[in-house]
C-alpha atoms as a PDB file:
ATOM      1  CA  MET A   1     107.224 127.430  43.398  1.00  0.00           C
ATOM      2  CA  ASN A   2     106.893 123.797  44.233  1.00  0.00           C
ATOM      3  CA  ALA A   3     103.720 122.304  44.751  1.00  0.00           C
ATOM      4  CA  LEU A   4     105.463 119.595  47.302  1.00  0.00           C
ATOM      5  CA  GLU A   5     109.382 119.351  48.517  1.00  0.00           C
ATOM      6  CA  ALA A   6     109.986 116.480  50.247  1.00  0.00           C
ATOM      7  CA  SER A   7     113.330 115.614  52.507  1.00  0.00           C
ATOM      8  CA  GLY A   8     114.453 113.050  54.250  1.00  0.00           C
ATOM      9  CA  LEU A   9     111.349 112.572  54.241  1.00  0.00           C
ATOM     10  CA  SER A  10     110.671 108.850  56.047  1.00  0.00           C
ATOM     11  CA  LYS A  11     108.225 107.030  58.126  1.00  0.00           C
ATOM     12  CA  ARG A  12     108.384 103.784  60.062  1.00  0.00           C
ATOM     13  CA  TYR A  13     105.895 101.305  61.695  1.00  0.00           C
ATOM     14  CA  GLY A  14     107.033  99.656  64.577  1.00  0.00           C
ATOM     15  CA  LYS A  15     110.723  97.973  62.726  1.00  0.00           C
ATOM     16  CA  LYS A  16     110.154  98.561  58.934  1.00  0.00           C
ATOM     17  CA  TRP A  17     110.589 101.463  57.230  1.00  0.00           C
ATOM     18  CA  ALA A  18     107.403 102.620  55.047  1.00  0.00           C
ATOM     19  CA  LEU A  19     109.692 105.407  53.530  1.00  0.00           C
ATOM     20  CA  GLU A  20     113.444 106.654  54.847  1.00  0.00           C
ATOM     21  CA  ASN A  21     115.273 109.201  53.354  1.00  0.00           C
ATOM     22  CA  CYS A  22     112.922 110.577  50.777  1.00  0.00           C
ATOM     23  CA  SER A  23     114.072 113.800  48.776  1.00  0.00           C
ATOM     24  CA  PHE A  24     112.465 115.231  45.803  1.00  0.00           C
ATOM     25  CA  GLU A  25     110.151 118.243  44.430  1.00  0.00           C
ATOM     26  CA  LEU A  26     107.236 117.913  42.318  1.00  0.00           C
ATOM     27  CA  PRO A  27     106.636 121.613  40.958  1.00  0.00           C
ATOM     28  CA  ALA A  28     103.370 123.011  40.610  1.00  0.00           C
ATOM     29  CA  GLY A  29     101.199 122.592  37.252  1.00  0.00           C
ATOM     30  CA  SER A  30     102.567 119.199  36.816  1.00  0.00           C
ATOM     31  CA  ILE A  31     100.454 115.537  36.507  1.00  0.00           C
ATOM     32  CA  ALA A  32     102.471 113.214  38.213  1.00  0.00           C
ATOM     33  CA  GLY A  33     102.386 110.044  38.353  1.00  0.00           C
ATOM     34  CA  LEU A  34     103.843 107.772  41.691  1.00  0.00           C
ATOM     35  CA  VAL A  35     104.590 104.764  40.865  1.00  0.00           C
ATOM     36  CA  GLY A  36     105.073 101.361  42.888  1.00  0.00           C
ATOM     37  CA  PRO A  37     104.076  98.025  43.811  1.00  0.00           C
ATOM     38  CA  ASN A  38     102.013  97.416  46.803  1.00  0.00           C
ATOM     39  CA  GLY A  39     103.623  98.565  49.949  1.00  0.00           C
ATOM     40  CA  ALA A  40     106.167 100.462  48.359  1.00  0.00           C
ATOM     41  CA  GLY A  41     104.831 103.654  50.070  1.00  0.00           C
ATOM     42  CA  LYS A  42     102.809 105.349  47.855  1.00  0.00           C
ATOM     43  CA  THR A  43     100.010 105.478  50.394  1.00  0.00           C
ATOM     44  CA  THR A  44     102.548 106.172  53.488  1.00  0.00           C
ATOM     45  CA  LEU A  45     103.237 109.429  51.308  1.00  0.00           C
ATOM     46  CA  LEU A  46     100.287 110.727  50.300  1.00  0.00           C
ATOM     47  CA  HIS A  47      98.890 110.721  53.944  1.00  0.00           C
ATOM     48  CA  ILE A  48     102.266 112.436  55.307  1.00  0.00           C
ATOM     49  CA  ALA A  49     100.913 115.443  52.604  1.00  0.00           C
ATOM     50  CA  VAL A  50      97.131 115.864  53.656  1.00  0.00           C
ATOM     51  CA  GLY A  51      98.439 116.062  57.398  1.00  0.00           C
ATOM     52  CA  LEU A  52      96.689 112.076  58.227  1.00  0.00           C
ATOM     53  CA  LEU A  53     100.666 110.697  59.215  1.00  0.00           C
ATOM     54  CA  GLU A  54     103.247 112.748  60.614  1.00  0.00           C
ATOM     55  CA  PRO A  55     106.660 111.408  59.363  1.00  0.00           C
ATOM     56  CA  THR A  56     109.335 109.664  61.620  1.00  0.00           C
ATOM     57  CA  ARG A  57     112.010 112.044  60.600  1.00  0.00           C
ATOM     58  CA  GLY A  58     112.742 114.403  57.604  1.00  0.00           C
ATOM     59  CA  SER A  59     110.334 117.294  56.582  1.00  0.00           C
ATOM     60  CA  LEU A  60     107.297 117.576  53.855  1.00  0.00           C
ATOM     61  CA  ARG A  61     105.881 121.200  52.944  1.00  0.00           C
ATOM     62  CA  ILE A  62     103.107 121.401  50.876  1.00  0.00           C
ATOM     63  CA  LEU A  63     101.981 124.314  48.533  1.00  0.00           C
ATOM     64  CA  GLY A  64     105.306 125.587  50.488  1.00  0.00           C
ATOM     65  CA  GLU A  65     103.543 125.094  54.205  1.00  0.00           C
ATOM     66  CA  GLN A  66     103.347 122.417  57.469  1.00  0.00           C
ATOM     67  CA  PRO A  67     100.823 119.612  55.770  1.00  0.00           C
ATOM     68  CA  GLY A  68      97.451 119.751  57.721  1.00  0.00           C
ATOM     69  CA  ALA A  69      97.203 123.024  58.715  1.00  0.00           C
ATOM     70  CA  ALA A  70      93.913 125.030  58.832  1.00  0.00           C
ATOM     71  CA  HIS A  71      95.132 127.388  56.358  1.00  0.00           C
ATOM     72  CA  VAL A  72      96.298 124.631  53.512  1.00  0.00           C
ATOM     73  CA  LEU A  73      93.444 122.682  54.231  1.00  0.00           C
ATOM     74  CA  SER A  74      91.404 124.081  52.004  1.00  0.00           C
ATOM     75  CA  ARG A  75      93.897 123.893  49.238  1.00  0.00           C
ATOM     76  CA  VAL A  76      94.138 120.692  48.997  1.00  0.00           C
ATOM     77  CA  GLY A  77      92.322 117.802  47.176  1.00  0.00           C
ATOM     78  CA  PHE A  78      92.624 114.119  48.466  1.00  0.00           C
ATOM     79  CA  VAL A  79      90.706 111.238  47.338  1.00  0.00           C
ATOM     80  CA  ALA A  80      91.627 108.331  49.483  1.00  0.00           C
ATOM     81  CA  GLN A  81      91.625 104.432  48.195  1.00  0.00           C
ATOM     82  CA  GLU A  82      88.209 102.697  48.014  1.00  0.00           C
ATOM     83  CA  THR A  83      86.789 106.273  47.227  1.00  0.00           C
ATOM     84  CA  PRO A  84      84.702 106.729  50.644  1.00  0.00           C
ATOM     85  CA  LEU A  85      81.965 107.793  50.679  1.00  0.00           C
ATOM     86  CA  TYR A  86      79.442 107.653  52.902  1.00  0.00           C
ATOM     87  CA  LYS A  87      76.783 104.844  51.559  1.00  0.00           C
ATOM     88  CA  SER A  88      73.643 105.982  53.118  1.00  0.00           C
ATOM     89  CA  PHE A  89      74.010 109.759  51.445  1.00  0.00           C
ATOM     90  CA  SER A  90      72.281 110.682  48.011  1.00  0.00           C
ATOM     91  CA  VAL A  91      74.359 112.489  45.511  1.00  0.00           C
ATOM     92  CA  GLY A  92      73.013 115.319  46.134  1.00  0.00           C
ATOM     93  CA  ASP A  93      72.991 114.614  50.033  1.00  0.00           C
ATOM     94  CA  MET A  94      77.059 114.691  49.179  1.00  0.00           C
ATOM     95  CA  LEU A  95      77.466 117.546  47.263  1.00  0.00           C
ATOM     96  CA  SER A  96      75.371 119.319  49.756  1.00  0.00           C
ATOM     97  CA  PHE A  97      77.750 117.828  52.578  1.00  0.00           C
ATOM     98  CA  GLY A  98      80.862 119.422  50.597  1.00  0.00           C
ATOM     99  CA  ALA A  99      79.221 123.216  49.484  1.00  0.00           C
ATOM    100  CA  HIS A 100      78.714 122.938  53.906  1.00  0.00           C
ATOM    101  CA  MET A 101      82.484 122.458  54.493  1.00  0.00           C
ATOM    102  CA  ASN A 102      84.372 124.128  52.500  1.00  0.00           C
ATOM    103  CA  ASP A 103      84.423 127.524  51.492  1.00  0.00           C
ATOM    104  CA  GLY A 104      84.335 128.400  47.593  1.00  0.00           C
ATOM    105  CA  PHE A 105      83.388 125.120  46.275  1.00  0.00           C
ATOM    106  CA  ASP A 106      81.637 124.910  43.241  1.00  0.00           C
ATOM    107  CA  THR A 107      78.429 123.600  43.728  1.00  0.00           C
ATOM    108  CA  GLU A 108      77.690 124.236  39.708  1.00  0.00           C
ATOM    109  CA  LEU A 109      80.392 122.737  38.506  1.00  0.00           C
ATOM    110  CA  ALA A 110      79.984 119.344  40.452  1.00  0.00           C
ATOM    111  CA  ARG A 111      75.844 119.159  39.416  1.00  0.00           C
ATOM    112  CA  ALA A 112      76.845 119.521  35.903  1.00  0.00           C
ATOM    113  CA  ARG A 113      80.109 116.622  35.724  1.00  0.00           C
ATOM    114  CA  PHE A 114      77.307 114.736  37.518  1.00  0.00           C
ATOM    115  CA  SER A 115      74.172 115.386  35.069  1.00  0.00           C
ATOM    116  CA  ARG A 116      77.043 114.958  31.404  1.00  0.00           C
ATOM    117  CA  LEU A 117      78.096 111.522  33.563  1.00  0.00           C
ATOM    118  CA  GLU A 118      74.531 110.603  34.079  1.00  0.00           C
ATOM    119  CA  ILE A 119      75.260 109.890  37.507  1.00  0.00           C
ATOM    120  CA  PRO A 120      71.395 110.698  39.624  1.00  0.00           C
ATOM    121  CA  LEU A 121      71.421 113.206  42.722  1.00  0.00           C
ATOM    122  CA  ASP A 122      68.814 110.721  43.567  1.00  0.00           C
ATOM    123  CA  GLN A 123      70.626 107.832  44.181  1.00  0.00           C
ATOM    124  CA  ARG A 124      72.625 106.637  47.256  1.00  0.00           C
ATOM    125  CA  ALA A 125      76.010 106.800  47.434  1.00  0.00           C
ATOM    126  CA  GLY A 126      75.805 102.862  48.262  1.00  0.00           C
ATOM    127  CA  SER A 127      74.442 101.518  45.117  1.00  0.00           C
ATOM    128  CA  LEU A 128      76.878 103.423  42.646  1.00  0.00           C
ATOM    129  CA  SER A 129      79.047 101.453  40.759  1.00  0.00           C
ATOM    130  CA  GLY A 130      83.017 101.184  41.403  1.00  0.00           C
ATOM    131  CA  GLY A 131      83.319 103.775  38.500  1.00  0.00           C
ATOM    132  CA  GLN A 132      80.441 105.699  39.311  1.00  0.00           C
ATOM    133  CA  ARG A 133      82.108 106.197  42.900  1.00  0.00           C
ATOM    134  CA  ALA A 134      85.109 107.058  41.713  1.00  0.00           C
ATOM    135  CA  GLN A 135      83.715 109.539  39.422  1.00  0.00           C
ATOM    136  CA  VAL A 136      81.668 111.524  42.420  1.00  0.00           C
ATOM    137  CA  ALA A 137      84.512 111.528  44.430  1.00  0.00           C
ATOM    138  CA  LEU A 138      86.762 113.245  42.009  1.00  0.00           C
ATOM    139  CA  ALA A 139      83.926 115.398  40.790  1.00  0.00           C
ATOM    140  CA  LEU A 140      83.584 116.153  44.790  1.00  0.00           C
ATOM    141  CA  ALA A 141      87.610 117.258  45.157  1.00  0.00           C
ATOM    142  CA  LEU A 142      87.974 119.268  41.487  1.00  0.00           C
ATOM    143  CA  ALA A 143      84.763 121.234  43.550  1.00  0.00           C
ATOM    144  CA  LYS A 144      86.641 122.405  45.999  1.00  0.00           C
ATOM    145  CA  ARG A 145      88.806 123.959  43.569  1.00  0.00           C
ATOM    146  CA  PRO A 146      92.024 123.078  44.934  1.00  0.00           C
ATOM    147  CA  GLU A 147      95.295 124.359  44.121  1.00  0.00           C
ATOM    148  CA  ILE A 148      97.184 120.568  44.781  1.00  0.00           C
ATOM    149  CA  LEU A 149      94.489 117.421  43.938  1.00  0.00           C
ATOM    150  CA  LEU A 150      96.916 114.308  45.672  1.00  0.00           C
ATOM    151  CA  LEU A 151      94.657 110.726  43.973  1.00  0.00           C
ATOM    152  CA  ASP A 152      95.553 107.442  45.931  1.00  0.00           C
ATOM    153  CA  GLU A 153      95.043 104.619  43.226  1.00  0.00           C
ATOM    154  CA  PRO A 154      91.265 105.624  42.433  1.00  0.00           C
ATOM    155  CA  LEU A 155      91.926 103.564  38.707  1.00  0.00           C
ATOM    156  CA  ALA A 156      92.776  99.756  40.685  1.00  0.00           C
ATOM    157  CA  SER A 157      88.548  98.600  40.691  1.00  0.00           C
ATOM    158  CA  LEU A 158      87.931 100.272  37.509  1.00  0.00           C
ATOM    159  CA  ASP A 159      87.458  98.311  34.286  1.00  0.00           C
ATOM    160  CA  PRO A 160      89.752 100.277  31.577  1.00  0.00           C
ATOM    161  CA  LEU A 161      85.736 101.991  30.085  1.00  0.00           C
ATOM    162  CA  ALA A 162      85.598 103.129  33.652  1.00  0.00           C
ATOM    163  CA  ARG A 163      89.304 104.778  33.779  1.00  0.00           C
ATOM    164  CA  ARG A 164      88.834 106.183  30.647  1.00  0.00           C
ATOM    165  CA  GLU A 165      86.366 108.256  31.001  1.00  0.00           C
ATOM    166  CA  PHE A 166      88.104 108.858  34.945  1.00  0.00           C
ATOM    167  CA  LEU A 167      90.838 109.918  33.815  1.00  0.00           C
ATOM    168  CA  GLN A 168      88.471 112.069  30.634  1.00  0.00           C
ATOM    169  CA  THR A 169      87.228 114.075  33.550  1.00  0.00           C
ATOM    170  CA  LEU A 170      90.375 114.746  35.374  1.00  0.00           C
ATOM    171  CA  MET A 171      92.028 115.553  32.499  1.00  0.00           C
ATOM    172  CA  GLU A 172      89.250 118.181  32.023  1.00  0.00           C
ATOM    173  CA  GLY A 173      89.057 119.644  35.855  1.00  0.00           C
ATOM    174  CA  VAL A 174      93.391 119.979  35.093  1.00  0.00           C
ATOM    175  CA  ALA A 175      92.167 122.454  32.259  1.00  0.00           C
ATOM    176  CA  ASP A 176      89.497 123.823  33.840  1.00  0.00           C
ATOM    177  CA  THR A 177      91.506 125.007  37.118  1.00  0.00           C
ATOM    178  CA  GLY A 178      95.103 124.029  36.503  1.00  0.00           C
ATOM    179  CA  VAL A 179      95.560 122.327  39.497  1.00  0.00           C
ATOM    180  CA  THR A 180      98.535 120.145  39.711  1.00  0.00           C
ATOM    181  CA  VAL A 181      97.922 116.606  40.720  1.00  0.00           C
ATOM    182  CA  LEU A 182      99.858 113.529  42.042  1.00  0.00           C
ATOM    183  CA  LEU A 183      98.183 110.397  41.240  1.00  0.00           C
ATOM    184  CA  SER A 184      98.976 107.265  42.575  1.00  0.00           C
ATOM    185  CA  SER A 185      98.832 104.018  40.182  1.00  0.00           C
ATOM    186  CA  HIS A 186     100.388 101.300  39.765  1.00  0.00           C
ATOM    187  CA  LEU A 187      99.101 101.341  36.068  1.00  0.00           C
ATOM    188  CA  LEU A 188     101.407 102.578  33.942  1.00  0.00           C
ATOM    189  CA  THR A 189      99.969 102.774  30.783  1.00  0.00           C
ATOM    190  CA  ASP A 190      97.640 105.274  31.335  1.00  0.00           C
ATOM    191  CA  LEU A 191      99.670 107.570  33.744  1.00  0.00           C
ATOM    192  CA  GLU A 192     101.918 107.574  30.896  1.00  0.00           C
ATOM    193  CA  ARG A 193      98.711 108.783  28.577  1.00  0.00           C
ATOM    194  CA  VAL A 194      98.257 111.878  31.408  1.00  0.00           C
ATOM    195  CA  CYS A 195     101.552 112.207  33.367  1.00  0.00           C
ATOM    196  CA  ASP A 196     103.576 114.637  32.502  1.00  0.00           C
ATOM    197  CA  HIS A 197     106.255 114.232  35.816  1.00  0.00           C
ATOM    198  CA  MET A 198     107.262 110.314  37.231  1.00  0.00           C
ATOM    199  CA  MET A 199     108.134 108.863  40.163  1.00  0.00           C
ATOM    200  CA  VAL A 200     108.719 106.086  40.371  1.00  0.00           C
ATOM    201  CA  LEU A 201     108.964 104.439  44.537  1.00  0.00           C
ATOM    202  CA  GLY A 202     110.032 100.818  45.921  1.00  0.00           C
ATOM    203  CA  ARG A 203     110.596  99.394  48.817  1.00  0.00           C
ATOM    204  CA  GLY A 204     110.459 103.428  50.581  1.00  0.00           C
ATOM    205  CA  HIS A 205     112.726 104.626  48.385  1.00  0.00           C
ATOM    206  CA  PHE A 206     112.661 106.741  45.206  1.00  0.00           C
ATOM    207  CA  ARG A 207     114.236 104.643  41.796  1.00  0.00           C
ATOM    208  CA  LEU A 208     113.398 107.460  39.560  1.00  0.00           C
ATOM    209  CA  ILE A 209     111.742 110.972  39.379  1.00  0.00           C
ATOM    210  CA  GLY A 210     111.580 113.529  36.618  1.00  0.00           C
ATOM    211  CA  ASP A 211     109.854 114.219  33.653  1.00  0.00           C
ATOM    212  CA  THR A 212     108.116 111.430  31.077  1.00  0.00           C
ATOM    213  CA  ALA A 213     109.541 113.026  28.019  1.00  0.00           C
ATOM    214  CA  ASP A 214     113.164 113.331  29.099  1.00  0.00           C
ATOM    215  CA  ILE A 215     112.989 109.738  31.054  1.00  0.00           C
ATOM    216  CA  ILE A 216     111.570 108.315  27.756  1.00  0.00           C
ATOM    217  CA  ARG A 217     114.938 110.914  25.511  1.00  0.00           C
ATOM    218  CA  THR A 218     117.474 109.396  27.931  1.00  0.00           C
ATOM    219  CA  HIS A 219     116.807 105.442  28.265  1.00  0.00           C
ATOM    220  CA  LYS A 220     117.113 103.292  25.568  1.00  0.00           C
ATOM    221  CA  VAL A 221     117.666  99.862  24.038  1.00  0.00           C
ATOM    222  CA  LEU A 222     120.691  98.835  22.305  1.00  0.00           C
ATOM    223  CA  ILE A 223     120.789  95.631  20.629  1.00  0.00           C
ATOM    224  CA  GLY A 224     124.924  94.955  19.957  1.00  0.00           C
ATOM    225  CA  PRO A 225     128.337  92.105  20.137  1.00  0.00           C
ATOM    226  CA  SER A 226     127.925  90.807  23.433  1.00  0.00           C
ATOM    227  CA  GLU A 227     131.980  90.715  24.038  1.00  0.00           C
ATOM    228  CA  ARG A 228     130.840  94.430  24.216  1.00  0.00           C
ATOM    229  CA  ALA A 229     128.716  95.297  26.370  1.00  0.00           C
ATOM    230  CA  GLY A 230     130.818  96.274  28.942  1.00  0.00           C
ATOM    231  CA  ALA A 231     131.582  99.766  27.086  1.00  0.00           C
ATOM    232  CA  VAL A 232     129.435 101.793  24.896  1.00  0.00           C
ATOM    233  CA  SER A 233     129.606 105.132  24.590  1.00  0.00           C
ATOM    234  CA  GLY A 234     126.591 107.481  25.239  1.00  0.00           C
ATOM    235  CA  VAL A 235     125.714 105.065  28.434  1.00  0.00           C
ATOM    236  CA  GLU A 236     126.021 106.265  31.709  1.00  0.00           C
ATOM    237  CA  GLN A 237     124.329 103.187  33.148  1.00  0.00           C
ATOM    238  CA  VAL A 238     122.950  99.562  32.254  1.00  0.00           C
ATOM    239  CA  LEU A 239     120.008  98.931  34.516  1.00  0.00           C
ATOM    240  CA  HIS A 240     119.295  95.481  32.300  1.00  0.00           C
ATOM    241  CA  GLN A 241     120.783  92.754  29.830  1.00  0.00           C
ATOM    242  CA  SER A 242     120.276  89.416  29.301  1.00  0.00           C
ATOM    243  CA  THR A 243     123.456  88.368  26.565  1.00  0.00           C
ATOM    244  CA  THR A 244     123.690  85.355  24.131  1.00  0.00           C
ATOM    245  CA  GLU A 245     126.528  83.894  22.887  1.00  0.00           C
ATOM    246  CA  ARG A 246     126.538  86.210  20.291  1.00  0.00           C
ATOM    247  CA  GLN A 247     124.262  89.813  21.395  1.00  0.00           C
ATOM    248  CA  ALA A 248     123.518  91.574  23.833  1.00  0.00           C
ATOM    249  CA  THR A 249     119.940  93.583  25.182  1.00  0.00           C
ATOM    250  CA  LEU A 250     121.250  96.683  27.004  1.00  0.00           C
ATOM    251  CA  LEU A 251     118.312  98.581  28.487  1.00  0.00           C
ATOM    252  CA  VAL A 252     120.301 101.248  29.330  1.00  0.00           C
ATOM    253  CA  ARG A 253     120.491 104.988  30.275  1.00  0.00           C
ATOM    254  CA  THR A 254     122.136 107.489  28.536  1.00  0.00           C
ATOM    255  CA  ASN A 255     124.768 110.781  29.260  1.00  0.00           C
ATOM    256  CA  GLY A 256     125.009 111.212  25.378  1.00  0.00           C
ATOM    257  CA  PRO A 257     124.148 109.949  21.410  1.00  0.00           C
ATOM    258  CA  ILE A 258     124.628 106.468  20.660  1.00  0.00           C
ATOM    259  CA  ILE A 259     127.175 106.643  17.177  1.00  0.00           C
ATOM    260  CA  ASP A 260     128.686 103.215  17.768  1.00  0.00           C
ATOM    261  CA  PRO A 261     127.330 101.748  14.593  1.00  0.00           C
ATOM    262  CA  ALA A 262     127.943  98.043  16.192  1.00  0.00           C
ATOM    263  CA  TRP A 263     124.555  98.832  18.012  1.00  0.00           C
ATOM    264  CA  MET A 264     121.499  99.291  16.997  1.00  0.00           C
ATOM    265  CA  VAL A 265     118.870 101.478  19.133  1.00  0.00           C
ATOM    266  CA  ASN A 266     115.817 101.416  20.030  1.00  0.00           C
ATOM    267  CA  GLN A 267     112.646 103.298  21.659  1.00  0.00           C
ATOM    268  CA  VAL A 268     112.278 101.810  24.690  1.00  0.00           C
ATOM    269  CA  SER A 269     108.749 102.416  26.878  1.00  0.00           C
ATOM    270  CA  LEU A 270     107.751 104.105  30.181  1.00  0.00           C
ATOM    271  CA  GLU A 271     106.985 100.554  30.998  1.00  0.00           C
ATOM    272  CA  ASP A 272     109.921  99.009  30.578  1.00  0.00           C
ATOM    273  CA  VAL A 273     111.757 102.159  31.896  1.00  0.00           C
ATOM    274  CA  VAL A 274     109.728 101.614  35.425  1.00  0.00           C
ATOM    275  CA  LEU A 275     109.874  98.038  35.362  1.00  0.00           C
ATOM    276  CA  ALA A 276     114.057  98.104  35.439  1.00  0.00           C
ATOM    277  CA  TYR A 277     113.830 100.623  38.214  1.00  0.00           C
ATOM    278  CA  LEU A 278     111.903  98.713  40.396  1.00  0.00           C
ATOM    279  CA  ASP A 279     113.803  95.166  39.987  1.00  0.00           C
ATOM    280  CA  SER A 280     114.905  94.294  43.269  1.00  0.00           C
ATOM    281  CA  ARG A 281     118.906  93.660  42.198  1.00  0.00           C
ATOM    282  CA  ALA A 282     118.506  96.962  40.669  1.00  0.00           C
ATOM    283  CA  ALA A 283     117.263  98.736  43.242  1.00  0.00           C
ATOM    284  CA  SER A 284     119.522  96.966  46.179  1.00  0.00           C
ATOM    285  CA  ASP A 285     122.242  98.100  43.726  1.00  0.00           C
ATOM    286  CA  ALA A 286     121.805 101.548  43.456  1.00  0.00           C
ATOM    287  CA  THR A 287     123.088 104.013  45.949  1.00  0.00           C
ATOM    288  CA  ASP A 288     122.182 107.709  46.953  1.00  0.00           C
ATOM    289  CA  ARG A 289     124.384 109.388  44.417  1.00  0.00           C
ATOM    290  CA  GLU A 290     122.948 107.410  41.476  1.00  0.00           C
ATOM    291  CA  LEU A 291     119.782 107.994  41.973  1.00  0.00           C
ATOM    292  CA  HIS A 292     120.781 111.955  42.451  1.00  0.00           C
ATOM    293  CA  ALA A 293     121.698 111.584  39.112  1.00  0.00           C
ATOM    294  CA  VAL A 294     119.488 110.165  37.826  1.00  0.00           C
ATOM    295  CA  GLN A 295     117.066 112.885  38.712  1.00  0.00           C
ATOM    296  CA  GLU A 296     118.933 115.193  37.005  1.00  0.00           C
ATOM    297  CA  VAL A 297     119.185 113.755  34.125  1.00  0.00           C
ATOM    298  CA  ALA A 298     115.353 113.328  34.425  1.00  0.00           C
ATOM    299  CA  ARG A 299     115.226 117.065  35.063  1.00  0.00           C
END
């Protein structure tokens, strides 16, 4: 079963397309990173998924249902950008509000997380630090016991320690409930630590979708003679190339083993792969056929 599934999903604001002809499948049980620069369309996608926006054309299904339908909202958790909380409410008030608004709300789960994180129930939400606000919002979302949890840039304003604590709480929640997670961020190092699936969005189009381990496995850095850079057995696509008079360094997507002894094969970081797909020149040259091939290879 797919937790999220889109076909030809597009959203336009005036003359600008925030998303254009996006098709993808996110398997249930995944912990997926939604990666892209500011303005890539990440927030628009998440807002469509929770029913806050309607697509201009195409479709998206969440847990097999129409986004925003009353019977599906109880199965979806969402933490928006800036982790909005009622500033005049205490943490305990937010807890009571969550329990009142959601059937099956696990109050004790949230209380236990607040206790472990040393967040007092009588503290006003407006006086919490950025890290504490993010933790409160996450705990409330997890206490809803959702089947899918959508998080929109929850790490952006947090310091490294707060990010680590947030991700630890998230992974504990995943272990407890098996919830599917889609985590939007541009902090690739953090995503690489926790995500088993990666969705790379640039300028309203998906550039790469697939299992994180498979993406790393099928991408390599090759170093070898510049005069032979044009054709290397086992290379499906060259994503980035730098060349001197004698030596070429290639970041490539492979479709087989690199057995030519003239080429040194090195591992590549997820960050380097993502940046290569988001490079403006590579993005402008990509065709729908190539993007489909990327998804098939990365599965």
